[in-house]
C-alpha cells in the first residue's frame, strides 16, 4: 500500500482541519460568484449545460482529498454555496445544492471507508457528486425536461465534467499544494506525490 493510500488514522477533527476546510469553502464560494456570472452569460441549456457543473463540485472533492475526514466534502461544499449567495442569480436554493453536492462527494469517499485518496477515489467521489447534482438539477432546476434524450446526455456531461474538473484537477491541485509543503500538517501533505 502506497503512502497516499494509507487509511485515515483518526476521524477526530482538529482545529487546523476546521479552519482549512472553512478557508476552502470561502475561497471556492468566491470562485462560484465569478463562475455564476460566466454560467449566466453563456446560458447553455440542457444537456450541454452539464459541462459547466464540474466547477461547482470542486470544493467538496478538494476538501475531501486534502483533509481526509468524514464531513469535509459536505462542510466545504455547503459553505462555498452559502458564500456564493452574496451574488448568486439562483437564490437560496443554492445552499441546498451545496449540501447535496457535498453529500454526493462524501458518498464516494465513504464507499472507500475514507481509506484511499488516489485517482480511483477522486474519480469515484466525482462520479457520485456528479450524479447527485444531475438528480437535483433534473428534479428542481429543469423539471420540465421529461425526455430521456435530454436527461441521459445531461447526466453524462455533468459526470464527465465532474470527473475532469473536480476529480482530476482537484487531485492535481491537492498534490501541487502538497509539493509546496503547505499541507505538512495533513496526511495529504505527507503522501508521496
C-alpha atoms as a PDB file:
ATOM      1  CA  UNK A   1       0.000   0.000   0.000  1.00  0.00           C
ATOM      2  CA  UNK A   2       1.460   3.356  -1.005  1.00  0.00           C
ATOM      3  CA  UNK A   3       1.693   6.226   1.462  1.00  0.00           C
ATOM      4  CA  UNK A   4      -1.138   8.083  -0.310  1.00  0.00           C
ATOM      5  CA  UNK A   5      -3.461   5.128   0.200  1.00  0.00           C
ATOM      6  CA  UNK A   6      -2.913   4.741   3.932  1.00  0.00           C
ATOM      7  CA  UNK A   7      -6.102   4.841   5.948  1.00  0.00           C
ATOM      8  CA  UNK A   8      -7.122   7.873   7.939  1.00  0.00           C
ATOM      9  CA  UNK A   9      -5.708   7.384  11.424  1.00  0.00           C
ATOM     10  CA  UNK A  10      -8.454   9.346  13.169  1.00  0.00           C
ATOM     11  CA  UNK A  11     -11.811  10.833  12.303  1.00  0.00           C
ATOM     12  CA  UNK A  12     -11.499  13.421  15.055  1.00  0.00           C
ATOM     13  CA  UNK A  13     -11.387  16.923  13.625  1.00  0.00           C
ATOM     14  CA  UNK A  14      -8.504  19.161  14.638  1.00  0.00           C
ATOM     15  CA  UNK A  15      -8.662  22.950  14.612  1.00  0.00           C
ATOM     16  CA  UNK A  16      -6.463  23.015  11.507  1.00  0.00           C
ATOM     17  CA  UNK A  17      -8.942  20.699   9.734  1.00  0.00           C
ATOM     18  CA  UNK A  18     -11.871  23.000  10.521  1.00  0.00           C
ATOM     19  CA  UNK A  19     -10.022  26.178   9.554  1.00  0.00           C
ATOM     20  CA  UNK A  20      -8.623  24.716   6.332  1.00  0.00           C
ATOM     21  CA  UNK A  21     -11.990  23.315   5.259  1.00  0.00           C
ATOM     22  CA  UNK A  22     -13.641  26.668   6.013  1.00  0.00           C
ATOM     23  CA  UNK A  23     -10.990  28.563   4.038  1.00  0.00           C
ATOM     24  CA  UNK A  24     -11.505  26.197   1.103  1.00  0.00           C
ATOM     25  CA  UNK A  25     -15.255  26.730   1.307  1.00  0.00           C
ATOM     26  CA  UNK A  26     -14.942  30.519   1.353  1.00  0.00           C
ATOM     27  CA  UNK A  27     -12.359  30.566  -1.444  1.00  0.00           C
ATOM     28  CA  UNK A  28     -14.489  28.357  -3.657  1.00  0.00           C
ATOM     29  CA  UNK A  29     -17.530  30.470  -2.781  1.00  0.00           C
ATOM     30  CA  UNK A  30     -15.746  33.447  -4.337  1.00  0.00           C
ATOM     31  CA  UNK A  31     -14.922  31.301  -7.370  1.00  0.00           C
ATOM     32  CA  UNK A  32     -18.619  30.378  -7.574  1.00  0.00           C
ATOM     33  CA  UNK A  33     -19.613  34.055  -7.667  1.00  0.00           C
ATOM     34  CA  UNK A  34     -17.433  34.514 -10.740  1.00  0.00           C
ATOM     35  CA  UNK A  35     -18.464  31.174 -12.254  1.00  0.00           C
ATOM     36  CA  UNK A  36     -22.152  32.071 -11.810  1.00  0.00           C
ATOM     37  CA  UNK A  37     -21.545  35.174 -13.934  1.00  0.00           C
ATOM     38  CA  UNK A  38     -19.924  33.077 -16.662  1.00  0.00           C
ATOM     39  CA  UNK A  39     -22.652  30.444 -16.416  1.00  0.00           C
ATOM     40  CA  UNK A  40     -25.408  33.080 -16.648  1.00  0.00           C
ATOM     41  CA  UNK A  41     -23.743  34.842 -19.574  1.00  0.00           C
ATOM     42  CA  UNK A  42     -23.336  31.662 -21.591  1.00  0.00           C
ATOM     43  CA  UNK A  43     -26.836  30.415 -20.694  1.00  0.00           C
ATOM     44  CA  UNK A  44     -26.420  26.923 -22.071  1.00  0.00           C
ATOM     45  CA  UNK A  45     -29.451  24.669 -21.975  1.00  0.00           C
ATOM     46  CA  UNK A  46     -29.606  21.000 -21.071  1.00  0.00           C
ATOM     47  CA  UNK A  47     -27.939  18.751 -21.940  1.00  0.00           C
ATOM     48  CA  UNK A  48     -24.978  20.981 -22.878  1.00  0.00           C
ATOM     49  CA  UNK A  49     -25.203  22.968 -19.621  1.00  0.00           C
ATOM     50  CA  UNK A  50     -23.963  19.869 -17.794  1.00  0.00           C
ATOM     51  CA  UNK A  51     -20.402  20.653 -18.863  1.00  0.00           C
ATOM     52  CA  UNK A  52     -20.405  23.704 -16.560  1.00  0.00           C
ATOM     53  CA  UNK A  53     -21.162  21.740 -13.384  1.00  0.00           C
ATOM     54  CA  UNK A  54     -17.708  20.370 -12.553  1.00  0.00           C
ATOM     55  CA  UNK A  55     -16.554  23.661 -11.059  1.00  0.00           C
ATOM     56  CA  UNK A  56     -19.398  23.569  -8.524  1.00  0.00           C
ATOM     57  CA  UNK A  57     -18.211  20.167  -7.308  1.00  0.00           C
ATOM     58  CA  UNK A  58     -14.599  21.140  -6.646  1.00  0.00           C
ATOM     59  CA  UNK A  59     -14.839  22.340  -3.023  1.00  0.00           C
ATOM     60  CA  UNK A  60     -16.218  19.054  -1.786  1.00  0.00           C
ATOM     61  CA  UNK A  61     -13.711  16.945  -3.635  1.00  0.00           C
ATOM     62  CA  UNK A  62     -10.704  19.122  -2.858  1.00  0.00           C
ATOM     63  CA  UNK A  63     -11.624  19.271   0.841  1.00  0.00           C
ATOM     64  CA  UNK A  64     -12.226  15.522   0.970  1.00  0.00           C
ATOM     65  CA  UNK A  65      -8.915  14.755  -0.729  1.00  0.00           C
ATOM     66  CA  UNK A  66      -6.990  17.268   1.357  1.00  0.00           C
ATOM     67  CA  UNK A  67      -8.483  16.971   4.854  1.00  0.00           C
ATOM     68  CA  UNK A  68      -9.429  13.287   4.576  1.00  0.00           C
ATOM     69  CA  UNK A  69     -12.075  13.399   7.309  1.00  0.00           C
ATOM     70  CA  UNK A  70     -15.738  12.392   7.140  1.00  0.00           C
ATOM     71  CA  UNK A  71     -17.808  15.535   6.602  1.00  0.00           C
ATOM     72  CA  UNK A  72     -15.074  17.635   4.952  1.00  0.00           C
ATOM     73  CA  UNK A  73     -16.662  17.446   1.498  1.00  0.00           C
ATOM     74  CA  UNK A  74     -20.096  18.396   2.824  1.00  0.00           C
ATOM     75  CA  UNK A  75     -18.787  21.224   5.006  1.00  0.00           C
ATOM     76  CA  UNK A  76     -16.683  22.850   2.249  1.00  0.00           C
ATOM     77  CA  UNK A  77     -19.332  22.453  -0.436  1.00  0.00           C
ATOM     78  CA  UNK A  78     -22.157  23.847   1.699  1.00  0.00           C
ATOM     79  CA  UNK A  79     -20.045  26.781   2.890  1.00  0.00           C
ATOM     80  CA  UNK A  80     -18.971  27.585  -0.689  1.00  0.00           C
ATOM     81  CA  UNK A  81     -22.605  27.653  -1.768  1.00  0.00           C
ATOM     82  CA  UNK A  82     -23.547  29.866   1.191  1.00  0.00           C
ATOM     83  CA  UNK A  83     -20.763  32.344   0.351  1.00  0.00           C
ATOM     84  CA  UNK A  84     -21.874  32.427  -3.284  1.00  0.00           C
ATOM     85  CA  UNK A  85     -25.286  33.654  -2.102  1.00  0.00           C
ATOM     86  CA  UNK A  86     -23.700  37.113  -1.945  1.00  0.00           C
ATOM     87  CA  UNK A  87     -24.124  37.354  -5.712  1.00  0.00           C
ATOM     88  CA  UNK A  88     -26.000  34.263  -6.831  1.00  0.00           C
ATOM     89  CA  UNK A  89     -28.601  34.542  -9.567  1.00  0.00           C
ATOM     90  CA  UNK A  90     -30.064  31.257  -8.322  1.00  0.00           C
ATOM     91  CA  UNK A  91     -31.263  32.349  -4.872  1.00  0.00           C
ATOM     92  CA  UNK A  92     -31.275  30.436  -1.586  1.00  0.00           C
ATOM     93  CA  UNK A  93     -31.768  27.043  -3.250  1.00  0.00           C
ATOM     94  CA  UNK A  94     -28.048  27.178  -3.967  1.00  0.00           C
ATOM     95  CA  UNK A  95     -27.321  26.217  -0.343  1.00  0.00           C
ATOM     96  CA  UNK A  96     -29.367  23.040  -0.833  1.00  0.00           C
ATOM     97  CA  UNK A  97     -27.273  22.370  -3.933  1.00  0.00           C
ATOM     98  CA  UNK A  98     -24.073  22.829  -1.933  1.00  0.00           C
ATOM     99  CA  UNK A  99     -25.292  20.389   0.686  1.00  0.00           C
ATOM    100  CA  UNK A 100     -26.396  17.762  -1.848  1.00  0.00           C
ATOM    101  CA  UNK A 101     -23.222  18.134  -3.913  1.00  0.00           C
ATOM    102  CA  UNK A 102     -21.099  17.778  -0.786  1.00  0.00           C
ATOM    103  CA  UNK A 103     -23.032  14.707   0.312  1.00  0.00           C
ATOM    104  CA  UNK A 104     -22.625  13.282  -3.188  1.00  0.00           C
ATOM    105  CA  UNK A 105     -18.853  13.655  -2.982  1.00  0.00           C
ATOM    106  CA  UNK A 106     -18.906  12.363   0.581  1.00  0.00           C
ATOM    107  CA  UNK A 107     -20.566   9.176  -0.666  1.00  0.00           C
ATOM    108  CA  UNK A 108     -17.583   8.463  -2.914  1.00  0.00           C
ATOM    109  CA  UNK A 109     -15.155   8.851  -0.013  1.00  0.00           C
ATOM    110  CA  UNK A 110     -17.411   6.790   2.274  1.00  0.00           C
ATOM    111  CA  UNK A 111     -17.509   3.942  -0.260  1.00  0.00           C
ATOM    112  CA  UNK A 112     -13.736   3.610   0.247  1.00  0.00           C
ATOM    113  CA  UNK A 113     -14.276   3.982   4.009  1.00  0.00           C
ATOM    114  CA  UNK A 114     -12.020   7.053   3.909  1.00  0.00           C
ATOM    115  CA  UNK A 115      -9.021   4.784   3.404  1.00  0.00           C
ATOM    116  CA  UNK A 116      -7.875   5.636  -0.117  1.00  0.00           C
ATOM    117  CA  UNK A 117      -7.281   9.036  -1.649  1.00  0.00           C
ATOM    118  CA  UNK A 118      -5.669   8.348  -5.006  1.00  0.00           C
ATOM    119  CA  UNK A 119      -7.008   8.505  -8.557  1.00  0.00           C
ATOM    120  CA  UNK A 120      -9.675   5.845  -8.081  1.00  0.00           C
ATOM    121  CA  UNK A 121     -11.217   7.599  -5.095  1.00  0.00           C
ATOM    122  CA  UNK A 122     -11.029  11.020  -6.757  1.00  0.00           C
ATOM    123  CA  UNK A 123     -12.904   9.657  -9.777  1.00  0.00           C
ATOM    124  CA  UNK A 124     -15.413   7.727  -7.653  1.00  0.00           C
ATOM    125  CA  UNK A 125     -16.209  10.785  -5.496  1.00  0.00           C
ATOM    126  CA  UNK A 126     -16.508  12.907  -8.648  1.00  0.00           C
ATOM    127  CA  UNK A 127     -18.950  10.428 -10.186  1.00  0.00           C
ATOM    128  CA  UNK A 128     -21.146  10.290  -7.073  1.00  0.00           C
ATOM    129  CA  UNK A 129     -21.069  14.098  -6.773  1.00  0.00           C
ATOM    130  CA  UNK A 130     -21.944  14.479 -10.459  1.00  0.00           C
ATOM    131  CA  UNK A 131     -24.821  12.045 -10.170  1.00  0.00           C
ATOM    132  CA  UNK A 132     -26.203  13.831  -7.101  1.00  0.00           C
ATOM    133  CA  UNK A 133     -26.079  17.143  -8.964  1.00  0.00           C
ATOM    134  CA  UNK A 134     -27.800  15.686 -12.010  1.00  0.00           C
ATOM    135  CA  UNK A 135     -30.627  14.211  -9.954  1.00  0.00           C
ATOM    136  CA  UNK A 136     -31.168  17.507  -8.139  1.00  0.00           C
ATOM    137  CA  UNK A 137     -30.971  19.572 -11.324  1.00  0.00           C
ATOM    138  CA  UNK A 138     -33.376  17.375 -13.233  1.00  0.00           C
ATOM    139  CA  UNK A 139     -35.781  17.355 -10.299  1.00  0.00           C
ATOM    140  CA  UNK A 140     -35.676  21.026  -9.244  1.00  0.00           C
ATOM    141  CA  UNK A 141     -33.992  23.199 -11.839  1.00  0.00           C
ATOM    142  CA  UNK A 142     -35.078  21.548 -15.061  1.00  0.00           C
ATOM    143  CA  UNK A 143     -38.323  19.806 -14.054  1.00  0.00           C
ATOM    144  CA  UNK A 144     -39.856  20.348 -17.491  1.00  0.00           C
ATOM    145  CA  UNK A 145     -37.156  18.190 -19.088  1.00  0.00           C
ATOM    146  CA  UNK A 146     -39.006  14.943 -19.442  1.00  0.00           C
ATOM    147  CA  UNK A 147     -37.280  13.147 -22.288  1.00  0.00           C
ATOM    148  CA  UNK A 148     -34.546  10.619 -21.690  1.00  0.00           C
ATOM    149  CA  UNK A 149     -32.881  12.036 -24.811  1.00  0.00           C
ATOM    150  CA  UNK A 150     -32.020  15.106 -22.715  1.00  0.00           C
ATOM    151  CA  UNK A 151     -31.766  13.606 -19.213  1.00  0.00           C
ATOM    152  CA  UNK A 152     -29.177  10.960 -20.059  1.00  0.00           C
ATOM    153  CA  UNK A 153     -26.802  13.242 -22.019  1.00  0.00           C
ATOM    154  CA  UNK A 154     -27.156  15.935 -19.334  1.00  0.00           C
ATOM    155  CA  UNK A 155     -26.231  13.432 -16.633  1.00  0.00           C
ATOM    156  CA  UNK A 156     -23.321  12.047 -18.670  1.00  0.00           C
ATOM    157  CA  UNK A 157     -21.948  15.544 -19.379  1.00  0.00           C
ATOM    158  CA  UNK A 158     -22.305  16.525 -15.713  1.00  0.00           C
ATOM    159  CA  UNK A 159     -20.472  13.394 -14.554  1.00  0.00           C
ATOM    160  CA  UNK A 160     -17.720  13.822 -17.167  1.00  0.00           C
ATOM    161  CA  UNK A 161     -17.326  17.480 -16.167  1.00  0.00           C
ATOM    162  CA  UNK A 162     -17.203  16.443 -12.520  1.00  0.00           C
ATOM    163  CA  UNK A 163     -14.566  13.777 -13.144  1.00  0.00           C
ATOM    164  CA  UNK A 164     -12.328  16.034 -15.240  1.00  0.00           C
ATOM    165  CA  UNK A 165     -12.667  19.281 -13.276  1.00  0.00           C
ATOM    166  CA  UNK A 166     -13.437  18.251  -9.702  1.00  0.00           C
ATOM    167  CA  UNK A 167     -11.815  14.806  -9.637  1.00  0.00           C
ATOM    168  CA  UNK A 168      -8.713  15.057 -11.826  1.00  0.00           C
ATOM    169  CA  UNK A 169      -7.974  18.777 -11.440  1.00  0.00           C
ATOM    170  CA  UNK A 170      -8.949  18.627  -7.760  1.00  0.00           C
ATOM    171  CA  UNK A 171      -6.461  15.843  -7.033  1.00  0.00           C
ATOM    172  CA  UNK A 172      -3.773  17.588  -9.084  1.00  0.00           C
ATOM    173  CA  UNK A 173      -4.387  20.774  -7.071  1.00  0.00           C
ATOM    174  CA  UNK A 174      -4.059  18.924  -3.753  1.00  0.00           C
ATOM    175  CA  UNK A 175      -0.875  17.224  -4.932  1.00  0.00           C
ATOM    176  CA  UNK A 176       0.585  20.524  -6.159  1.00  0.00           C
ATOM    177  CA  UNK A 177      -0.154  22.117  -2.781  1.00  0.00           C
ATOM    178  CA  UNK A 178       1.429  19.121  -1.038  1.00  0.00           C
ATOM    179  CA  UNK A 179       4.648  19.553  -3.039  1.00  0.00           C
ATOM    180  CA  UNK A 180       4.978  23.119  -1.716  1.00  0.00           C
ATOM    181  CA  UNK A 181       4.979  21.881   1.884  1.00  0.00           C
ATOM    182  CA  UNK A 182       1.839  23.890   2.693  1.00  0.00           C
ATOM    183  CA  UNK A 183      -0.031  20.730   3.673  1.00  0.00           C
ATOM    184  CA  UNK A 184       2.575  19.264   6.014  1.00  0.00           C
ATOM    185  CA  UNK A 185       0.084  19.051   8.889  1.00  0.00           C
ATOM    186  CA  UNK A 186      -2.216  16.817   6.799  1.00  0.00           C
ATOM    187  CA  UNK A 187      -1.822  13.237   5.642  1.00  0.00           C
ATOM    188  CA  UNK A 188      -2.331  14.536   2.104  1.00  0.00           C
ATOM    189  CA  UNK A 189       0.786  16.681   2.545  1.00  0.00           C
ATOM    190  CA  UNK A 190       2.887  13.785   3.775  1.00  0.00           C
ATOM    191  CA  UNK A 191       1.863  11.437   0.953  1.00  0.00           C
ATOM    192  CA  UNK A 192       4.128  10.543  -1.883  1.00  0.00           C
ATOM    193  CA  UNK A 193       3.078  12.686  -4.838  1.00  0.00           C
END
